[in-house]
Amino acid sequence: MIRGVHHLAISTPDLDRFVDHYARWFGFERCGGGEWKAGNARVDTMVGLEQSAARYEMIRLGNLYIEAFEYAAPPGDPVRPRMCDHGITHLCLYSDDVFADYTRLSALGMRFNCPPGGSAATRATYGQDCDGNVVELLQIVDPASRFSFARAIVTTS
């Protein structure tokens, strides 16, 4: 039986830079990592690539784990989906003060589409991480709103 989400994975051209940004910008911590060399038939079959080689690092913030990969082979291409494109389009991080986080992250160099805004129930903004991946900052203003699942996120971290 499926119990929930364990982690998501992001491929990056620079693993050390990515992990550093997620630690400094958002507060993620390292959980472990490793690598594999070309010629590992088991991994090649699992990831659907030939002669793959990569380093990886698992990072964690609360109950969210991200497995970041830097492939040495084969070379990857940047993917920049628009919000309307099919597939995963963004990562949403829960904030208890979206305006303060917007100000802090802007000062660290994170680019945002606009300042936070929203309704009586939520406030949010979208920006980009160091690789251009879309990251949403979301604050739940009214815990009784339809987004009240966020209370569980806050109490489990």
C-alpha atoms as a PDB file:
ATOM      1  CA  MET A   1       0.000   0.000   0.000  1.00  0.00           C
ATOM      2  CA  ILE A   2       1.283   3.463  -0.870  1.00  0.00           C
ATOM      3  CA  ARG A   3       1.808   5.448   2.359  1.00  0.00           C
ATOM      4  CA  GLY A   4       2.802   8.872   1.030  1.00  0.00           C
ATOM      5  CA  VAL A   5       5.596  10.754  -0.679  1.00  0.00           C
ATOM      6  CA  HIS A   6       9.160  10.065   0.440  1.00  0.00           C
ATOM      7  CA  HIS A   7      11.162  12.439  -1.760  1.00  0.00           C
ATOM      8  CA  LEU A   8      11.385  14.222  -5.050  1.00  0.00           C
ATOM      9  CA  ALA A   9      14.460  14.300  -7.269  1.00  0.00           C
ATOM     10  CA  ILE A  10      16.064  17.187  -9.114  1.00  0.00           C
ATOM     11  CA  SER A  11      18.929  16.989 -11.593  1.00  0.00           C
ATOM     12  CA  THR A  12      21.407  19.854 -11.417  1.00  0.00           C
ATOM     13  CA  PRO A  13      24.526  20.771 -13.394  1.00  0.00           C
ATOM     14  CA  ASP A  14      26.350  21.638 -10.121  1.00  0.00           C
ATOM     15  CA  LEU A  15      25.503  19.489  -7.095  1.00  0.00           C
ATOM     16  CA  ASP A  16      27.637  21.390  -4.585  1.00  0.00           C
ATOM     17  CA  ARG A  17      26.147  24.761  -5.603  1.00  0.00           C
ATOM     18  CA  PHE A  18      22.598  23.362  -5.505  1.00  0.00           C
ATOM     19  CA  VAL A  19      22.978  21.827  -2.040  1.00  0.00           C
ATOM     20  CA  ASP A  20      24.663  24.980  -0.741  1.00  0.00           C
ATOM     21  CA  HIS A  21      21.835  27.184  -2.048  1.00  0.00           C
ATOM     22  CA  TYR A  22      19.111  24.972  -0.591  1.00  0.00           C
ATOM     23  CA  ALA A  23      20.910  24.949   2.773  1.00  0.00           C
ATOM     24  CA  ARG A  24      21.509  28.720   2.891  1.00  0.00           C
ATOM     25  CA  TRP A  25      18.296  29.876   1.220  1.00  0.00           C
ATOM     26  CA  PHE A  26      15.746  27.456   2.636  1.00  0.00           C
ATOM     27  CA  GLY A  27      17.391  25.674   5.599  1.00  0.00           C
ATOM     28  CA  PHE A  28      17.767  22.166   4.134  1.00  0.00           C
ATOM     29  CA  GLU A  29      20.287  19.816   5.766  1.00  0.00           C
ATOM     30  CA  ARG A  30      22.351  17.019   4.233  1.00  0.00           C
ATOM     31  CA  CYS A  31      21.227  13.447   4.932  1.00  0.00           C
ATOM     32  CA  GLY A  32      23.728  11.472   2.886  1.00  0.00           C
ATOM     33  CA  GLY A  33      24.836  10.872  -0.639  1.00  0.00           C
ATOM     34  CA  GLY A  34      27.015   8.907  -2.940  1.00  0.00           C
ATOM     35  CA  GLU A  35      27.861   8.221  -6.552  1.00  0.00           C
ATOM     36  CA  TRP A  36      27.989   5.554  -9.218  1.00  0.00           C
ATOM     37  CA  LYS A  37      30.378   5.076 -12.096  1.00  0.00           C
ATOM     38  CA  ALA A  38      29.597   4.254 -15.724  1.00  0.00           C
ATOM     39  CA  GLY A  39      29.044   0.544 -16.316  1.00  0.00           C
ATOM     40  CA  ASN A  40      26.640  -0.067 -13.416  1.00  0.00           C
ATOM     41  CA  ALA A  41      24.035  -2.174 -15.258  1.00  0.00           C
ATOM     42  CA  ARG A  42      21.559  -2.185 -12.353  1.00  0.00           C
ATOM     43  CA  VAL A  43      21.470   1.621 -12.081  1.00  0.00           C
ATOM     44  CA  ASP A  44      21.401   2.069 -15.872  1.00  0.00           C
ATOM     45  CA  THR A  45      18.361  -0.202 -16.073  1.00  0.00           C
ATOM     46  CA  MET A  46      16.626   1.526 -13.172  1.00  0.00           C
ATOM     47  CA  VAL A  47      17.132   5.088 -14.512  1.00  0.00           C
ATOM     48  CA  GLY A  48      16.623   4.113 -18.161  1.00  0.00           C
ATOM     49  CA  LEU A  49      20.010   5.414 -19.352  1.00  0.00           C
ATOM     50  CA  GLU A  50      23.121   3.803 -20.833  1.00  0.00           C
ATOM     51  CA  GLN A  51      26.586   4.248 -19.320  1.00  0.00           C
ATOM     52  CA  SER A  52      25.279   6.694 -16.718  1.00  0.00           C
ATOM     53  CA  ALA A  53      27.483   8.139 -13.992  1.00  0.00           C
ATOM     54  CA  ALA A  54      26.425  10.566 -11.284  1.00  0.00           C
ATOM     55  CA  ARG A  55      26.900  11.981  -7.819  1.00  0.00           C
ATOM     56  CA  TYR A  56      23.883  12.511  -5.577  1.00  0.00           C
ATOM     57  CA  GLU A  57      22.987  14.078  -2.255  1.00  0.00           C
ATOM     58  CA  MET A  58      19.819  13.666  -0.170  1.00  0.00           C
ATOM     59  CA  ILE A  59      18.769  16.852   1.617  1.00  0.00           C
ATOM     60  CA  ARG A  60      15.930  17.373   4.078  1.00  0.00           C
ATOM     61  CA  LEU A  61      13.724  20.143   5.417  1.00  0.00           C
ATOM     62  CA  GLY A  62      11.056  18.992   7.883  1.00  0.00           C
ATOM     63  CA  ASN A  63       9.278  16.100   6.175  1.00  0.00           C
ATOM     64  CA  LEU A  64      10.428  17.038   2.647  1.00  0.00           C
ATOM     65  CA  TYR A  65      13.383  15.182   1.164  1.00  0.00           C
ATOM     66  CA  ILE A  66      15.031  16.150  -2.124  1.00  0.00           C
ATOM     67  CA  GLU A  67      17.470  13.848  -3.880  1.00  0.00           C
ATOM     68  CA  ALA A  68      19.723  16.046  -6.017  1.00  0.00           C
ATOM     69  CA  PHE A  69      21.705  14.444  -8.859  1.00  0.00           C
ATOM     70  CA  GLU A  70      24.645  15.734 -10.881  1.00  0.00           C
ATOM     71  CA  TYR A  71      25.120  13.466 -13.897  1.00  0.00           C
ATOM     72  CA  ALA A  72      28.616  13.188 -15.362  1.00  0.00           C
ATOM     73  CA  ALA A  73      27.156  11.000 -18.130  1.00  0.00           C
ATOM     74  CA  PRO A  74      25.116  11.284 -20.198  1.00  0.00           C
ATOM     75  CA  PRO A  75      25.065  15.080 -20.388  1.00  0.00           C
ATOM     76  CA  GLY A  76      21.728  16.612 -19.447  1.00  0.00           C
ATOM     77  CA  ASP A  77      19.719  19.409 -21.001  1.00  0.00           C
ATOM     78  CA  PRO A  78      18.065  22.208 -19.013  1.00  0.00           C
ATOM     79  CA  VAL A  79      14.298  21.857 -18.742  1.00  0.00           C
ATOM     80  CA  ARG A  80      12.283  25.000 -18.114  1.00  0.00           C
ATOM     81  CA  PRO A  81       8.601  24.067 -18.049  1.00  0.00           C
ATOM     82  CA  ARG A  82       6.046  26.811 -17.995  1.00  0.00           C
ATOM     83  CA  MET A  83       3.351  26.535 -15.338  1.00  0.00           C
ATOM     84  CA  CYS A  84       0.857  25.414 -18.006  1.00  0.00           C
ATOM     85  CA  ASP A  85       3.066  22.603 -19.360  1.00  0.00           C
ATOM     86  CA  HIS A  86       2.305  19.016 -18.402  1.00  0.00           C
ATOM     87  CA  GLY A  87       4.410  17.377 -15.713  1.00  0.00           C
ATOM     88  CA  ILE A  88       5.897  18.682 -12.492  1.00  0.00           C
ATOM     89  CA  THR A  89       6.092  22.460 -12.703  1.00  0.00           C
ATOM     90  CA  HIS A  90       7.181  23.701  -9.270  1.00  0.00           C
ATOM     91  CA  LEU A  91       8.193  22.978  -5.690  1.00  0.00           C
ATOM     92  CA  CYS A  92       6.085  24.658  -2.987  1.00  0.00           C
ATOM     93  CA  LEU A  93       7.689  25.468   0.371  1.00  0.00           C
ATOM     94  CA  TYR A  94       5.509  26.338   3.357  1.00  0.00           C
ATOM     95  CA  SER A  95       6.400  29.617   5.069  1.00  0.00           C
ATOM     96  CA  ASP A  96       5.127  31.060   8.338  1.00  0.00           C
ATOM     97  CA  ASP A  97       5.955  34.588   7.082  1.00  0.00           C
ATOM     98  CA  VAL A  98       6.079  34.803   3.294  1.00  0.00           C
ATOM     99  CA  PHE A  99       6.916  38.528   3.307  1.00  0.00           C
ATOM    100  CA  ALA A 100       9.955  38.044   5.565  1.00  0.00           C
ATOM    101  CA  ASP A 101      11.151  35.048   3.523  1.00  0.00           C
ATOM    102  CA  TYR A 102      10.636  36.986   0.278  1.00  0.00           C
ATOM    103  CA  THR A 103      12.778  39.845   1.611  1.00  0.00           C
ATOM    104  CA  ARG A 104      15.497  37.515   2.990  1.00  0.00           C
ATOM    105  CA  LEU A 105      15.676  35.355  -0.143  1.00  0.00           C
ATOM    106  CA  SER A 106      15.660  38.378  -2.481  1.00  0.00           C
ATOM    107  CA  ALA A 107      18.678  39.723  -0.571  1.00  0.00           C
ATOM    108  CA  LEU A 108      20.425  36.355  -1.100  1.00  0.00           C
ATOM    109  CA  GLY A 109      19.843  36.597  -4.859  1.00  0.00           C
ATOM    110  CA  MET A 110      16.662  34.595  -5.439  1.00  0.00           C
ATOM    111  CA  ARG A 111      14.654  36.009  -8.354  1.00  0.00           C
ATOM    112  CA  PHE A 112      10.890  36.302  -7.900  1.00  0.00           C
ATOM    113  CA  ASN A 113       8.130  36.993 -10.415  1.00  0.00           C
ATOM    114  CA  CYS A 114       6.450  39.436  -8.018  1.00  0.00           C
ATOM    115  CA  PRO A 115       6.118  40.256  -4.309  1.00  0.00           C
ATOM    116  CA  PRO A 116       3.851  38.006  -2.216  1.00  0.00           C
ATOM    117  CA  GLY A 117       0.125  38.522  -2.487  1.00  0.00           C
ATOM    118  CA  GLY A 118      -3.051  36.580  -2.027  1.00  0.00           C
ATOM    119  CA  SER A 119      -6.268  36.343  -0.126  1.00  0.00           C
ATOM    120  CA  ALA A 120      -7.522  36.133   3.425  1.00  0.00           C
ATOM    121  CA  ALA A 121      -6.698  32.394   3.368  1.00  0.00           C
ATOM    122  CA  THR A 122      -3.233  32.290   1.743  1.00  0.00           C
ATOM    123  CA  ARG A 123      -0.345  34.449   0.600  1.00  0.00           C
ATOM    124  CA  ALA A 124       2.169  33.269  -1.974  1.00  0.00           C
ATOM    125  CA  THR A 125       4.804  34.158  -4.529  1.00  0.00           C
ATOM    126  CA  TYR A 126       6.804  32.281  -7.149  1.00  0.00           C
ATOM    127  CA  GLY A 127      10.529  32.545  -7.774  1.00  0.00           C
ATOM    128  CA  GLN A 128      13.433  30.540  -9.147  1.00  0.00           C
ATOM    129  CA  ASP A 129      16.163  28.540  -7.428  1.00  0.00           C
ATOM    130  CA  CYS A 130      19.820  28.636  -8.499  1.00  0.00           C
ATOM    131  CA  ASP A 131      19.082  26.372 -11.512  1.00  0.00           C
ATOM    132  CA  GLY A 132      15.915  28.161 -12.627  1.00  0.00           C
ATOM    133  CA  ASN A 133      13.476  25.643 -11.087  1.00  0.00           C
ATOM    134  CA  VAL A 134      10.249  27.311  -9.978  1.00  0.00           C
ATOM    135  CA  VAL A 135       9.823  27.499  -6.193  1.00  0.00           C
ATOM    136  CA  GLU A 136       6.612  28.743  -4.600  1.00  0.00           C
ATOM    137  CA  LEU A 137       6.564  30.235  -1.110  1.00  0.00           C
ATOM    138  CA  LEU A 138       3.150  29.696   0.513  1.00  0.00           C
ATOM    139  CA  GLN A 139       1.822  31.045   3.801  1.00  0.00           C
ATOM    140  CA  ILE A 140      -1.464  29.769   5.240  1.00  0.00           C
ATOM    141  CA  VAL A 141      -3.144  32.775   6.851  1.00  0.00           C
ATOM    142  CA  ASP A 142      -6.443  31.083   7.744  1.00  0.00           C
ATOM    143  CA  PRO A 143      -5.941  27.540   9.146  1.00  0.00           C
ATOM    144  CA  ALA A 144      -9.645  26.852   8.572  1.00  0.00           C
ATOM    145  CA  SER A 145      -9.222  27.338   4.818  1.00  0.00           C
ATOM    146  CA  ARG A 146      -9.185  24.540   2.275  1.00  0.00           C
ATOM    147  CA  PHE A 147      -5.382  24.558   2.635  1.00  0.00           C
ATOM    148  CA  SER A 148      -5.587  23.528   6.297  1.00  0.00           C
ATOM    149  CA  PHE A 149      -3.511  20.409   5.501  1.00  0.00           C
ATOM    150  CA  ALA A 150      -0.542  22.731   6.033  1.00  0.00           C
ATOM    151  CA  ARG A 151      -1.150  22.550   9.778  1.00  0.00           C
ATOM    152  CA  ALA A 152       0.039  18.935   9.619  1.00  0.00           C
ATOM    153  CA  ILE A 153       3.236  20.056   7.868  1.00  0.00           C
ATOM    154  CA  VAL A 154       3.995  22.599  10.561  1.00  0.00           C
ATOM    155  CA  THR A 155       3.355  20.214  13.434  1.00  0.00           C
ATOM    156  CA  THR A 156       5.465  17.369  11.973  1.00  0.00           C
ATOM    157  CA  SER A 157       8.638  19.371  11.362  1.00  0.00           C
END
